[in-house]
Amino acid sequence: MHDHDSSRPVRVTAWVRGRVQQVGFRWWTRARALEIGGLTGYTSNLGDGRVQVVAEGLRAECEQLLVQLRGPDTPGQVSGVTEIWSATGEGYDGFVIR
């Protein structure tokens, strides 16, 4: 690996706005994360109607998940996705729905 940074895991936290609760969005997100592989984290419904997605893994894999969240195949209706990047935390066991 000549690019050291790309081999270090990162965390992305994303907030998905729109009609994304009660439409299977969290299950769909988990399925996409498992398809991409190498990602751990969770997805949960927030009280304000958004869905929060926290994923840890290589940046390229996290980016793939963001592309899926912004893509045309999501359940419901996504009106926007906001994300922040940070260092990984204590880590997660798999990718779960909370």
N, C-alpha and C. Protein backbone atom coordinates (compact mmCIF):
# COMPACT_ATOMS: atom_id res chain seq x y z
N MET A 1 0.85 -1.18 0.00
CA MET A 1 0.00 0.00 0.00
C MET A 1 0.89 1.25 0.00
N HIS A 2 0.92 1.95 -1.11
CA HIS A 2 1.75 3.15 -1.15
C HIS A 2 1.05 4.32 -0.47
N ASP A 3 -0.30 4.31 -0.48
CA ASP A 3 -1.03 5.39 0.18
C ASP A 3 -1.44 4.92 1.57
N HIS A 4 -0.70 5.34 2.57
CA HIS A 4 -0.90 4.82 3.92
C HIS A 4 -2.29 5.15 4.44
N ASP A 5 -2.77 6.36 4.15
CA ASP A 5 -4.05 6.80 4.70
C ASP A 5 -5.22 5.94 4.23
N SER A 6 -5.17 5.45 3.00
CA SER A 6 -6.30 4.70 2.47
C SER A 6 -6.42 3.34 3.13
N SER A 7 -5.36 2.90 3.83
CA SER A 7 -5.42 1.58 4.46
C SER A 7 -5.81 1.68 5.93
N ARG A 8 -6.10 2.88 6.40
CA ARG A 8 -6.47 3.07 7.80
C ARG A 8 -7.98 3.26 7.89
N PRO A 9 -8.64 2.52 8.77
CA PRO A 9 -10.09 2.66 8.84
C PRO A 9 -10.52 4.04 9.34
N VAL A 10 -11.67 4.46 8.90
CA VAL A 10 -12.25 5.72 9.32
C VAL A 10 -13.70 5.46 9.73
N ARG A 11 -14.31 6.49 10.30
CA ARG A 11 -15.74 6.42 10.63
C ARG A 11 -16.46 7.51 9.87
N VAL A 12 -17.61 7.15 9.30
CA VAL A 12 -18.49 8.16 8.73
C VAL A 12 -19.83 8.06 9.45
N THR A 13 -20.34 9.21 9.85
CA THR A 13 -21.67 9.28 10.43
C THR A 13 -22.54 10.05 9.46
N ALA A 14 -23.64 9.45 9.03
CA ALA A 14 -24.51 10.09 8.04
C ALA A 14 -25.91 10.22 8.60
N TRP A 15 -26.54 11.35 8.25
CA TRP A 15 -27.94 11.58 8.62
C TRP A 15 -28.73 11.68 7.33
N VAL A 16 -29.73 10.81 7.21
CA VAL A 16 -30.52 10.73 5.99
C VAL A 16 -31.88 11.38 6.25
N ARG A 17 -32.20 12.39 5.46
CA ARG A 17 -33.48 13.09 5.60
C ARG A 17 -34.45 12.63 4.52
N GLY A 18 -35.73 12.79 4.81
CA GLY A 18 -36.76 12.46 3.84
C GLY A 18 -37.77 11.50 4.46
N ARG A 19 -38.49 10.79 3.59
CA ARG A 19 -39.44 9.78 4.08
C ARG A 19 -38.68 8.46 4.15
N VAL A 20 -37.95 8.30 5.27
CA VAL A 20 -37.02 7.17 5.37
C VAL A 20 -37.29 6.29 6.59
N GLN A 21 -38.34 6.60 7.34
CA GLN A 21 -38.71 5.71 8.44
C GLN A 21 -39.97 4.94 8.05
N GLN A 22 -40.11 3.75 8.62
CA GLN A 22 -41.25 2.87 8.33
C GLN A 22 -41.28 2.39 6.88
N VAL A 23 -40.14 2.39 6.22
CA VAL A 23 -40.10 1.93 4.83
C VAL A 23 -39.02 0.86 4.63
N GLY A 24 -38.50 0.33 5.74
CA GLY A 24 -37.44 -0.67 5.62
C GLY A 24 -36.07 -0.11 5.33
N PHE A 25 -35.90 1.19 5.58
CA PHE A 25 -34.63 1.85 5.20
C PHE A 25 -33.45 1.30 5.98
N ARG A 26 -33.64 1.05 7.28
CA ARG A 26 -32.51 0.55 8.07
C ARG A 26 -32.09 -0.84 7.62
N TRP A 27 -33.09 -1.69 7.31
CA TRP A 27 -32.76 -3.04 6.85
C TRP A 27 -32.04 -2.99 5.50
N TRP A 28 -32.51 -2.09 4.64
CA TRP A 28 -31.88 -1.92 3.33
C TRP A 28 -30.44 -1.45 3.48
N THR A 29 -30.23 -0.49 4.40
CA THR A 29 -28.89 0.05 4.62
C THR A 29 -27.95 -1.04 5.13
N ARG A 30 -28.45 -1.85 6.07
CA ARG A 30 -27.63 -2.93 6.60
C ARG A 30 -27.25 -3.91 5.49
N ALA A 31 -28.20 -4.23 4.62
CA ALA A 31 -27.93 -5.16 3.51
C ALA A 31 -26.87 -4.60 2.59
N ARG A 32 -26.92 -3.28 2.31
CA ARG A 32 -25.91 -2.67 1.44
C ARG A 32 -24.54 -2.71 2.12
N ALA A 33 -24.51 -2.44 3.42
CA ALA A 33 -23.23 -2.45 4.15
C ALA A 33 -22.61 -3.85 4.10
N LEU A 34 -23.45 -4.88 4.26
CA LEU A 34 -22.95 -6.25 4.24
C LEU A 34 -22.49 -6.63 2.84
N GLU A 35 -23.17 -6.13 1.81
CA GLU A 35 -22.76 -6.40 0.43
C GLU A 35 -21.39 -5.79 0.15
N ILE A 36 -21.19 -4.55 0.59
CA ILE A 36 -19.92 -3.87 0.37
C ILE A 36 -18.81 -4.64 1.09
N GLY A 37 -19.10 -5.07 2.31
CA GLY A 37 -18.15 -5.86 3.08
C GLY A 37 -17.14 -4.98 3.80
N GLY A 38 -16.64 -5.49 4.90
CA GLY A 38 -15.61 -4.76 5.63
C GLY A 38 -16.12 -3.62 6.47
N LEU A 39 -17.43 -3.39 6.47
CA LEU A 39 -17.99 -2.28 7.24
C LEU A 39 -18.62 -2.78 8.53
N THR A 40 -18.41 -2.04 9.61
CA THR A 40 -19.12 -2.30 10.85
C THR A 40 -19.81 -1.02 11.27
N GLY A 41 -20.81 -1.15 12.12
CA GLY A 41 -21.52 0.05 12.56
C GLY A 41 -22.96 -0.27 12.84
N TYR A 42 -23.80 0.75 12.67
CA TYR A 42 -25.22 0.56 12.96
C TYR A 42 -26.04 1.61 12.22
N THR A 43 -27.33 1.37 12.16
CA THR A 43 -28.26 2.34 11.62
C THR A 43 -29.46 2.40 12.55
N SER A 44 -29.95 3.62 12.79
CA SER A 44 -31.05 3.79 13.74
C SER A 44 -31.97 4.92 13.30
N ASN A 45 -33.23 4.84 13.74
CA ASN A 45 -34.19 5.91 13.50
C ASN A 45 -34.00 6.98 14.56
N LEU A 46 -34.06 8.24 14.14
CA LEU A 46 -34.00 9.36 15.09
C LEU A 46 -35.40 9.89 15.33
N GLY A 47 -35.57 10.56 16.44
CA GLY A 47 -36.88 11.06 16.82
C GLY A 47 -37.43 12.12 15.89
N ASP A 48 -36.54 12.76 15.11
CA ASP A 48 -36.99 13.84 14.23
C ASP A 48 -37.32 13.35 12.83
N GLY A 49 -37.35 12.03 12.65
CA GLY A 49 -37.72 11.48 11.35
C GLY A 49 -36.56 11.10 10.46
N ARG A 50 -35.35 11.45 10.87
CA ARG A 50 -34.18 11.06 10.07
C ARG A 50 -33.72 9.66 10.46
N VAL A 51 -32.89 9.09 9.60
CA VAL A 51 -32.19 7.84 9.91
C VAL A 51 -30.71 8.18 10.05
N GLN A 52 -30.09 7.69 11.11
CA GLN A 52 -28.66 7.87 11.31
C GLN A 52 -27.94 6.59 10.93
N VAL A 53 -26.84 6.75 10.21
CA VAL A 53 -26.02 5.62 9.79
C VAL A 53 -24.59 5.89 10.25
N VAL A 54 -24.03 4.98 11.01
CA VAL A 54 -22.63 5.08 11.44
C VAL A 54 -21.90 3.87 10.89
N ALA A 55 -20.86 4.12 10.10
CA ALA A 55 -20.11 3.02 9.50
C ALA A 55 -18.62 3.23 9.71
N GLU A 56 -17.94 2.16 10.03
CA GLU A 56 -16.49 2.18 10.13
C GLU A 56 -15.91 1.19 9.14
N GLY A 57 -14.82 1.60 8.51
CA GLY A 57 -14.15 0.74 7.54
C GLY A 57 -13.19 1.58 6.74
N LEU A 58 -12.71 1.02 5.64
CA LEU A 58 -11.84 1.79 4.76
C LEU A 58 -12.65 2.91 4.13
N ARG A 59 -11.99 4.03 3.87
CA ARG A 59 -12.72 5.18 3.35
C ARG A 59 -13.46 4.84 2.06
N ALA A 60 -12.84 4.06 1.19
CA ALA A 60 -13.49 3.72 -0.08
C ALA A 60 -14.78 2.95 0.15
N GLU A 61 -14.80 2.08 1.16
CA GLU A 61 -16.00 1.30 1.46
C GLU A 61 -17.08 2.20 2.07
N CYS A 62 -16.67 3.12 2.94
CA CYS A 62 -17.62 4.08 3.51
C CYS A 62 -18.21 4.95 2.41
N GLU A 63 -17.36 5.37 1.46
CA GLU A 63 -17.82 6.20 0.35
C GLU A 63 -18.86 5.43 -0.48
N GLN A 64 -18.61 4.12 -0.68
CA GLN A 64 -19.56 3.31 -1.45
C GLN A 64 -20.93 3.31 -0.78
N LEU A 65 -20.94 3.21 0.55
CA LEU A 65 -22.21 3.21 1.27
C LEU A 65 -22.91 4.56 1.10
N LEU A 66 -22.16 5.65 1.15
CA LEU A 66 -22.76 6.97 0.96
C LEU A 66 -23.37 7.09 -0.43
N VAL A 67 -22.68 6.56 -1.43
CA VAL A 67 -23.21 6.59 -2.80
C VAL A 67 -24.55 5.85 -2.85
N GLN A 68 -24.62 4.71 -2.16
CA GLN A 68 -25.87 3.94 -2.13
C GLN A 68 -26.98 4.74 -1.44
N LEU A 69 -26.64 5.40 -0.32
CA LEU A 69 -27.64 6.17 0.42
C LEU A 69 -28.19 7.31 -0.42
N ARG A 70 -27.35 7.85 -1.31
CA ARG A 70 -27.76 8.97 -2.17
C ARG A 70 -28.30 8.49 -3.51
N GLY A 71 -28.30 7.19 -3.72
CA GLY A 71 -28.66 6.65 -5.03
C GLY A 71 -30.16 6.53 -5.23
N PRO A 72 -30.55 6.04 -6.41
CA PRO A 72 -31.96 5.97 -6.77
C PRO A 72 -32.69 4.76 -6.21
N ASP A 73 -31.97 3.83 -5.61
CA ASP A 73 -32.58 2.55 -5.24
C ASP A 73 -33.01 2.45 -3.78
N THR A 74 -32.92 3.56 -3.04
CA THR A 74 -33.28 3.50 -1.63
C THR A 74 -34.79 3.33 -1.48
N PRO A 75 -35.22 2.66 -0.40
CA PRO A 75 -36.65 2.65 -0.10
C PRO A 75 -37.06 4.04 0.39
N GLY A 76 -38.35 4.34 0.30
CA GLY A 76 -38.79 5.65 0.76
C GLY A 76 -38.36 6.74 -0.20
N GLN A 77 -38.14 7.92 0.35
CA GLN A 77 -37.76 9.07 -0.47
C GLN A 77 -36.71 9.87 0.28
N VAL A 78 -35.48 9.83 -0.21
CA VAL A 78 -34.40 10.55 0.44
C VAL A 78 -34.33 11.98 -0.11
N SER A 79 -34.39 12.96 0.79
CA SER A 79 -34.29 14.35 0.34
C SER A 79 -32.90 14.92 0.57
N GLY A 80 -32.08 14.24 1.37
CA GLY A 80 -30.72 14.73 1.56
C GLY A 80 -29.94 13.84 2.51
N VAL A 81 -28.64 13.86 2.35
CA VAL A 81 -27.74 13.10 3.23
C VAL A 81 -26.62 14.04 3.67
N THR A 82 -26.42 14.14 4.97
CA THR A 82 -25.32 14.92 5.52
C THR A 82 -24.36 13.95 6.19
N GLU A 83 -23.06 14.12 6.00
CA GLU A 83 -22.13 13.21 6.68
C GLU A 83 -20.98 13.96 7.31
N ILE A 84 -20.44 13.38 8.35
CA ILE A 84 -19.18 13.86 8.92
C ILE A 84 -18.23 12.67 9.02
N TRP A 85 -16.96 12.96 8.81
CA TRP A 85 -15.91 11.94 8.90
C TRP A 85 -15.15 12.14 10.20
N SER A 86 -14.75 11.05 10.81
CA SER A 86 -14.01 11.14 12.06
C SER A 86 -13.12 9.91 12.20
N ALA A 87 -12.34 9.92 13.28
CA ALA A 87 -11.54 8.73 13.60
C ALA A 87 -12.48 7.64 14.10
N THR A 88 -12.03 6.41 14.00
CA THR A 88 -12.84 5.31 14.50
C THR A 88 -12.89 5.38 16.02
N GLY A 89 -13.93 4.79 16.57
CA GLY A 89 -14.08 4.75 18.02
C GLY A 89 -13.65 3.41 18.56
N GLU A 90 -14.40 2.91 19.52
CA GLU A 90 -14.06 1.63 20.13
C GLU A 90 -14.36 0.47 19.21
N GLY A 91 -15.07 0.75 18.13
CA GLY A 91 -15.37 -0.30 17.18
C GLY A 91 -16.73 -0.92 17.41
N TYR A 92 -17.23 -1.60 16.41
CA TYR A 92 -18.54 -2.23 16.46
C TYR A 92 -18.41 -3.69 16.08
N ASP A 93 -19.36 -4.47 16.55
CA ASP A 93 -19.38 -5.89 16.24
C ASP A 93 -20.43 -6.10 15.14
N GLY A 94 -19.96 -6.15 13.90
CA GLY A 94 -20.89 -6.31 12.79
C GLY A 94 -21.58 -5.01 12.44
N PHE A 95 -22.65 -5.13 11.67
CA PHE A 95 -23.44 -3.97 11.27
C PHE A 95 -24.87 -4.24 11.68
N VAL A 96 -25.38 -3.46 12.62
CA VAL A 96 -26.64 -3.81 13.25
C VAL A 96 -27.68 -2.71 13.09
N ILE A 97 -28.92 -3.08 13.34
CA ILE A 97 -30.04 -2.15 13.36
C ILE A 97 -30.36 -1.85 14.81
N ARG A 98 -30.44 -0.58 15.14
CA ARG A 98 -30.75 -0.18 16.52
C ARG A 98 -32.12 0.48 16.56
